[in-house]
Amino acid sequence: RQMCIRDRCGNGAEAVEQIMAQSPDVVFLDVEMPVMDGFTVLKTLQDRGHQPMPHIIFVTAYDQYALNAFEVNALDYVLK
């Protein structure tokens, strides 16, 4: 697998497509995105049975999502 994927996705649906196509080890995922939020991206990957699941680091400007991030087993949560 590639060690570094530098794709930026314009929305959550694009993120799902890129993650499924490239299977990165780690994904920095914004919580608030157009089309579907970061939590929905993660749930969509799980629902589709994507394996191996990447480690998810949620990135956001809002601290109110931190608890949710760790409840879905995020590797980390970064406030920007």
C-alpha atoms as a PDB file:
ATOM      1  CA  ARG A   1       0.000   0.000   0.000  1.00  0.00           C
ATOM      2  CA  GLN A   2       0.991   3.595  -0.473  1.00  0.00           C
ATOM      3  CA  MET A   3       2.655   5.268   2.449  1.00  0.00           C
ATOM      4  CA  CYS A   4       1.167   8.698   1.792  1.00  0.00           C
ATOM      5  CA  ILE A   5      -1.968   9.709  -0.041  1.00  0.00           C
ATOM      6  CA  ARG A   6      -2.333  13.425  -0.417  1.00  0.00           C
ATOM      7  CA  ASP A   7      -5.834  13.539  -1.817  1.00  0.00           C
ATOM      8  CA  ARG A   8      -8.230  16.126  -0.602  1.00  0.00           C
ATOM      9  CA  CYS A   9     -11.844  15.313  -1.040  1.00  0.00           C
ATOM     10  CA  GLY A  10     -14.488  17.970  -1.514  1.00  0.00           C
ATOM     11  CA  ASN A  11     -17.151  16.074   0.386  1.00  0.00           C
ATOM     12  CA  GLY A  12     -17.853  12.948   2.401  1.00  0.00           C
ATOM     13  CA  ALA A  13     -18.962  10.863  -0.581  1.00  0.00           C
ATOM     14  CA  GLU A  14     -15.630  11.525  -2.319  1.00  0.00           C
ATOM     15  CA  ALA A  15     -13.831  10.587   0.904  1.00  0.00           C
ATOM     16  CA  VAL A  16     -15.599   7.210   0.981  1.00  0.00           C
ATOM     17  CA  GLU A  17     -14.664   6.558  -2.656  1.00  0.00           C
ATOM     18  CA  GLN A  18     -11.001   7.463  -2.134  1.00  0.00           C
ATOM     19  CA  ILE A  19     -10.653   5.499   1.093  1.00  0.00           C
ATOM     20  CA  MET A  20     -12.208   2.410  -0.474  1.00  0.00           C
ATOM     21  CA  ALA A  21     -10.081   2.716  -3.613  1.00  0.00           C
ATOM     22  CA  GLN A  22      -6.748   3.417  -1.925  1.00  0.00           C
ATOM     23  CA  SER A  23      -7.056   1.733   1.501  1.00  0.00           C
ATOM     24  CA  PRO A  24      -4.852   4.158   3.449  1.00  0.00           C
ATOM     25  CA  ASP A  25      -3.601   3.227   6.917  1.00  0.00           C
ATOM     26  CA  VAL A  26      -4.566   6.587   8.449  1.00  0.00           C
ATOM     27  CA  VAL A  27      -7.217   9.117   7.429  1.00  0.00           C
ATOM     28  CA  PHE A  28      -7.509  12.689   8.683  1.00  0.00           C
ATOM     29  CA  LEU A  29     -11.237  13.196   8.417  1.00  0.00           C
ATOM     30  CA  ASP A  30     -13.075  16.470   8.940  1.00  0.00           C
ATOM     31  CA  VAL A  31     -16.205  16.138  11.042  1.00  0.00           C
ATOM     32  CA  GLU A  32     -18.236  18.686   9.069  1.00  0.00           C
ATOM     33  CA  MET A  33     -18.235  18.144   5.293  1.00  0.00           C
ATOM     34  CA  PRO A  34     -20.778  18.543   2.510  1.00  0.00           C
ATOM     35  CA  VAL A  35     -22.910  15.541   1.467  1.00  0.00           C
ATOM     36  CA  MET A  36     -22.066  13.451   4.558  1.00  0.00           C
ATOM     37  CA  ASP A  37     -20.212  14.285   7.746  1.00  0.00           C
ATOM     38  CA  GLY A  38     -17.116  12.469   8.974  1.00  0.00           C
ATOM     39  CA  PHE A  39     -19.104  10.160  11.254  1.00  0.00           C
ATOM     40  CA  THR A  40     -21.297   9.126   8.324  1.00  0.00           C
ATOM     41  CA  VAL A  41     -18.180   8.482   6.224  1.00  0.00           C
ATOM     42  CA  LEU A  42     -16.904   6.122   8.913  1.00  0.00           C
ATOM     43  CA  LYS A  43     -20.299   4.388   9.249  1.00  0.00           C
ATOM     44  CA  THR A  44     -20.538   3.997   5.464  1.00  0.00           C
ATOM     45  CA  LEU A  45     -17.115   2.328   5.350  1.00  0.00           C
ATOM     46  CA  GLN A  46     -18.163  -0.026   8.141  1.00  0.00           C
ATOM     47  CA  ASP A  47     -21.529  -0.787   6.501  1.00  0.00           C
ATOM     48  CA  ARG A  48     -19.767  -1.624   3.240  1.00  0.00           C
ATOM     49  CA  GLY A  49     -17.405  -3.950   5.085  1.00  0.00           C
ATOM     50  CA  HIS A  50     -14.278  -2.053   4.056  1.00  0.00           C
ATOM     51  CA  GLN A  51     -11.184  -3.878   5.300  1.00  0.00           C
ATOM     52  CA  PRO A  52      -8.766  -3.115   6.641  1.00  0.00           C
ATOM     53  CA  MET A  53     -10.342  -0.108   8.299  1.00  0.00           C
ATOM     54  CA  PRO A  54      -7.971   2.844   8.430  1.00  0.00           C
ATOM     55  CA  HIS A  55      -7.140   4.570  11.682  1.00  0.00           C
ATOM     56  CA  ILE A  56      -9.312   7.690  11.798  1.00  0.00           C
ATOM     57  CA  ILE A  57      -8.164  11.023  13.161  1.00  0.00           C
ATOM     58  CA  PHE A  58     -11.039  13.462  13.247  1.00  0.00           C
ATOM     59  CA  VAL A  59     -10.136  17.092  12.585  1.00  0.00           C
ATOM     60  CA  THR A  60     -12.546  19.890  13.399  1.00  0.00           C
ATOM     61  CA  ALA A  61     -12.931  23.352  14.846  1.00  0.00           C
ATOM     62  CA  TYR A  62     -15.658  22.155  17.217  1.00  0.00           C
ATOM     63  CA  ASP A  63     -14.863  20.437  20.493  1.00  0.00           C
ATOM     64  CA  GLN A  64     -18.417  19.146  21.020  1.00  0.00           C
ATOM     65  CA  TYR A  65     -17.710  16.184  18.706  1.00  0.00           C
ATOM     66  CA  ALA A  66     -14.772  14.829  20.725  1.00  0.00           C
ATOM     67  CA  LEU A  67     -16.767  12.337  22.789  1.00  0.00           C
ATOM     68  CA  ASN A  68     -18.493  10.973  19.677  1.00  0.00           C
ATOM     69  CA  ALA A  69     -15.140  10.577  17.970  1.00  0.00           C
ATOM     70  CA  PHE A  70     -13.754   8.384  20.716  1.00  0.00           C
ATOM     71  CA  GLU A  71     -16.999   6.409  20.959  1.00  0.00           C
ATOM     72  CA  VAL A  72     -16.427   5.290  17.349  1.00  0.00           C
ATOM     73  CA  ASN A  73     -12.833   4.343  18.171  1.00  0.00           C
ATOM     74  CA  ALA A  74     -11.097   7.265  16.509  1.00  0.00           C
ATOM     75  CA  LEU A  75      -7.338   7.163  16.905  1.00  0.00           C
ATOM     76  CA  ASP A  76      -7.314  10.854  17.798  1.00  0.00           C
ATOM     77  CA  TYR A  77      -9.282  14.084  17.666  1.00  0.00           C
ATOM     78  CA  VAL A  78      -7.591  17.315  16.606  1.00  0.00           C
ATOM     79  CA  LEU A  79      -9.016  20.794  17.042  1.00  0.00           C
ATOM     80  CA  LYS A  80      -7.953  23.135  14.257  1.00  0.00           C
END
